[in-house]
Amino acid sequence: MSTSDRFLLWFHLATVIFLLGPTTIAMTTTPRYIRQKDVAVLRYLNRTTRFFGIGSILVLAFGLGIAHDNLSKPWLTVSMTLFVVGLILTIAIIEPDQRRAIAKLETGESPEVYRGRIVGISSAVAVLWVVVLVLMVWRPGAV
């Protein structure tokens, strides 16, 4: 592994820890604060999901930089696909649902439909991240 690949690996791991981790925590804790009707915390979680979620694109960018020679490996293709699906679910569904739940709470309406969707989709996204992690460590067929 070249020196530049080692730096990319370090950046990749750092972005996973410092961007993907907070995004996952913000998504999965949102339903609790919807139930508690804590709009201030929900605004913070929404900003965290949006900022760190969009920033998580760097995880993929650094990963592509490391994997440039192995893109034809099935485990890597599956990992990248699952990562993109999780990122799209985060940015396109969970983050807007957080905003909609905040708006419902501010008008005194029930945000239960959004809470349910956030629970289900954020749980699925967390499972996707675990599957990607397993594939990155196990690398089936890689020798």
Protein backbone atom coordinates (compact mmCIF):
# COMPACT_ATOMS: atom_id res chain seq x y z
CA MET A 1 0.00 0.00 0.00
CA SER A 2 1.46 3.33 -1.06
CA THR A 3 1.83 6.31 1.24
CA SER A 4 -0.97 8.18 -0.53
CA ASP A 5 -3.25 5.16 -0.12
CA ARG A 6 -2.44 5.08 3.59
CA PHE A 7 -3.42 8.75 3.93
CA LEU A 8 -6.63 8.11 2.02
CA LEU A 9 -7.37 5.18 4.31
CA TRP A 10 -6.86 7.37 7.38
CA PHE A 11 -9.11 10.07 5.93
CA HIS A 12 -11.68 7.44 5.00
CA LEU A 13 -11.74 6.02 8.52
CA ALA A 14 -11.82 9.51 10.09
CA THR A 15 -14.80 10.54 7.96
CA VAL A 16 -16.61 7.32 8.86
CA ILE A 17 -16.09 8.00 12.56
CA PHE A 18 -16.60 11.76 12.63
CA LEU A 19 -19.28 12.17 9.94
CA LEU A 20 -21.18 8.92 9.58
CA GLY A 21 -21.27 8.22 13.31
CA PRO A 22 -22.95 11.51 14.31
CA THR A 23 -25.38 11.23 11.40
CA THR A 24 -26.49 7.79 12.54
CA ILE A 25 -26.86 8.90 16.15
CA ALA A 26 -28.86 12.00 15.15
CA MET A 27 -31.20 9.95 12.96
CA THR A 28 -31.81 7.18 15.44
CA THR A 29 -32.40 9.49 18.43
CA THR A 30 -34.84 11.76 16.59
CA PRO A 31 -37.96 9.65 17.36
CA ARG A 32 -37.36 9.93 21.11
CA TYR A 33 -37.41 13.73 20.93
CA ILE A 34 -40.43 13.75 18.63
CA ARG A 35 -42.26 11.75 21.29
CA GLN A 36 -41.04 14.21 23.97
CA LYS A 37 -42.03 17.14 21.71
CA ASP A 38 -38.64 18.80 22.26
CA VAL A 39 -38.43 21.08 19.22
CA ALA A 40 -35.10 22.67 20.23
CA VAL A 41 -33.34 19.30 20.33
CA LEU A 42 -35.08 18.25 17.11
CA ARG A 43 -33.76 21.32 15.31
CA TYR A 44 -30.25 20.44 16.48
CA LEU A 45 -30.67 16.80 15.36
CA ASN A 46 -31.99 17.97 11.99
CA ARG A 47 -29.01 20.29 11.45
CA THR A 48 -26.69 17.47 12.49
CA THR A 49 -28.34 15.02 10.09
CA ARG A 50 -28.23 17.51 7.21
CA PHE A 51 -24.65 18.75 7.73
CA PHE A 52 -23.00 15.46 8.62
CA GLY A 53 -25.17 13.50 6.19
CA ILE A 54 -24.09 15.62 3.24
CA GLY A 55 -20.52 15.58 4.55
CA SER A 56 -20.65 11.78 4.56
CA ILE A 57 -20.21 11.91 0.80
CA LEU A 58 -16.52 12.27 1.72
CA VAL A 59 -16.62 8.70 3.08
CA LEU A 60 -17.45 7.50 -0.42
CA ALA A 61 -14.95 9.84 -2.07
CA PHE A 62 -12.04 8.68 0.08
CA GLY A 63 -13.18 5.07 -0.29
CA LEU A 64 -13.18 5.42 -4.07
CA GLY A 65 -9.68 6.87 -3.86
CA ILE A 66 -8.45 3.81 -2.02
CA ALA A 67 -10.36 1.27 -4.12
CA HIS A 68 -9.56 2.64 -7.57
CA ASP A 69 -7.83 -0.61 -8.59
CA ASN A 70 -10.45 -2.95 -7.09
CA LEU A 71 -13.73 -1.47 -8.29
CA SER A 72 -14.61 -4.69 -10.11
CA LYS A 73 -14.63 -6.70 -6.87
CA PRO A 74 -18.22 -7.74 -6.05
CA TRP A 75 -17.90 -7.05 -2.30
CA LEU A 76 -16.74 -3.52 -3.03
CA THR A 77 -19.51 -2.87 -5.55
CA VAL A 78 -22.12 -4.13 -3.08
CA SER A 79 -20.61 -2.01 -0.29
CA MET A 80 -20.65 1.16 -2.38
CA THR A 81 -24.19 0.50 -3.57
CA LEU A 82 -25.46 -0.06 -0.03
CA PHE A 83 -23.63 3.05 1.16
CA VAL A 84 -25.21 5.18 -1.58
CA VAL A 85 -28.66 3.76 -0.80
CA GLY A 86 -28.19 4.59 2.89
CA LEU A 87 -26.98 8.08 2.10
CA ILE A 88 -29.91 8.75 -0.23
CA LEU A 89 -32.37 7.51 2.39
CA THR A 90 -30.73 9.80 4.94
CA ILE A 91 -30.66 12.93 2.80
CA ALA A 92 -33.86 12.45 0.78
CA ILE A 93 -36.23 10.93 3.35
CA ILE A 94 -35.03 11.14 6.95
CA GLU A 95 -33.80 14.75 6.94
CA PRO A 96 -36.98 16.12 5.28
CA ASP A 97 -39.13 14.00 7.64
CA GLN A 98 -37.30 15.54 10.58
CA ARG A 99 -38.16 19.02 9.22
CA ARG A 100 -41.79 18.01 8.67
CA ALA A 101 -42.05 16.60 12.21
CA ILE A 102 -40.67 19.87 13.60
CA ALA A 103 -43.23 21.85 11.56
CA LYS A 104 -46.07 19.62 12.82
CA LEU A 105 -44.95 20.05 16.43
CA GLU A 106 -44.74 23.82 16.01
CA THR A 107 -48.35 23.95 14.76
CA GLY A 108 -49.58 21.60 17.49
CA GLU A 109 -50.32 18.72 15.13
CA SER A 110 -49.27 15.11 15.61
CA PRO A 111 -46.01 14.13 13.89
CA GLU A 112 -46.52 10.40 14.52
CA VAL A 113 -46.44 9.42 10.85
CA TYR A 114 -43.00 11.03 10.51
CA ARG A 115 -41.78 9.51 13.76
CA GLY A 116 -42.73 6.05 12.51
CA ARG A 117 -41.02 6.54 9.17
CA ILE A 118 -37.88 7.93 10.81
CA VAL A 119 -37.75 4.92 13.16
CA GLY A 120 -38.06 2.44 10.31
CA ILE A 121 -35.80 4.09 7.78
CA SER A 122 -33.07 5.15 10.23
CA SER A 123 -32.99 1.59 11.58
CA ALA A 124 -32.64 0.25 8.03
CA VAL A 125 -29.86 2.75 7.31
CA ALA A 126 -28.01 1.72 10.47
CA VAL A 127 -28.25 -1.93 9.36
CA LEU A 128 -26.91 -0.92 5.93
CA TRP A 129 -23.91 0.73 7.60
CA VAL A 130 -23.25 -2.47 9.59
CA VAL A 131 -23.45 -4.59 6.43
CA VAL A 132 -21.00 -2.23 4.70
CA LEU A 133 -18.67 -2.45 7.70
CA VAL A 134 -18.80 -6.26 7.63
CA LEU A 135 -18.07 -6.28 3.90
CA MET A 136 -15.15 -3.85 4.36
CA VAL A 137 -13.58 -6.03 7.05
CA TRP A 138 -14.47 -9.48 5.76
CA ARG A 139 -14.00 -8.77 2.02
CA PRO A 140 -15.42 -12.05 0.71
CA GLY A 141 -13.32 -13.50 -2.08
CA ALA A 142 -10.51 -10.97 -1.56
CA VAL A 143 -7.10 -12.54 -1.37
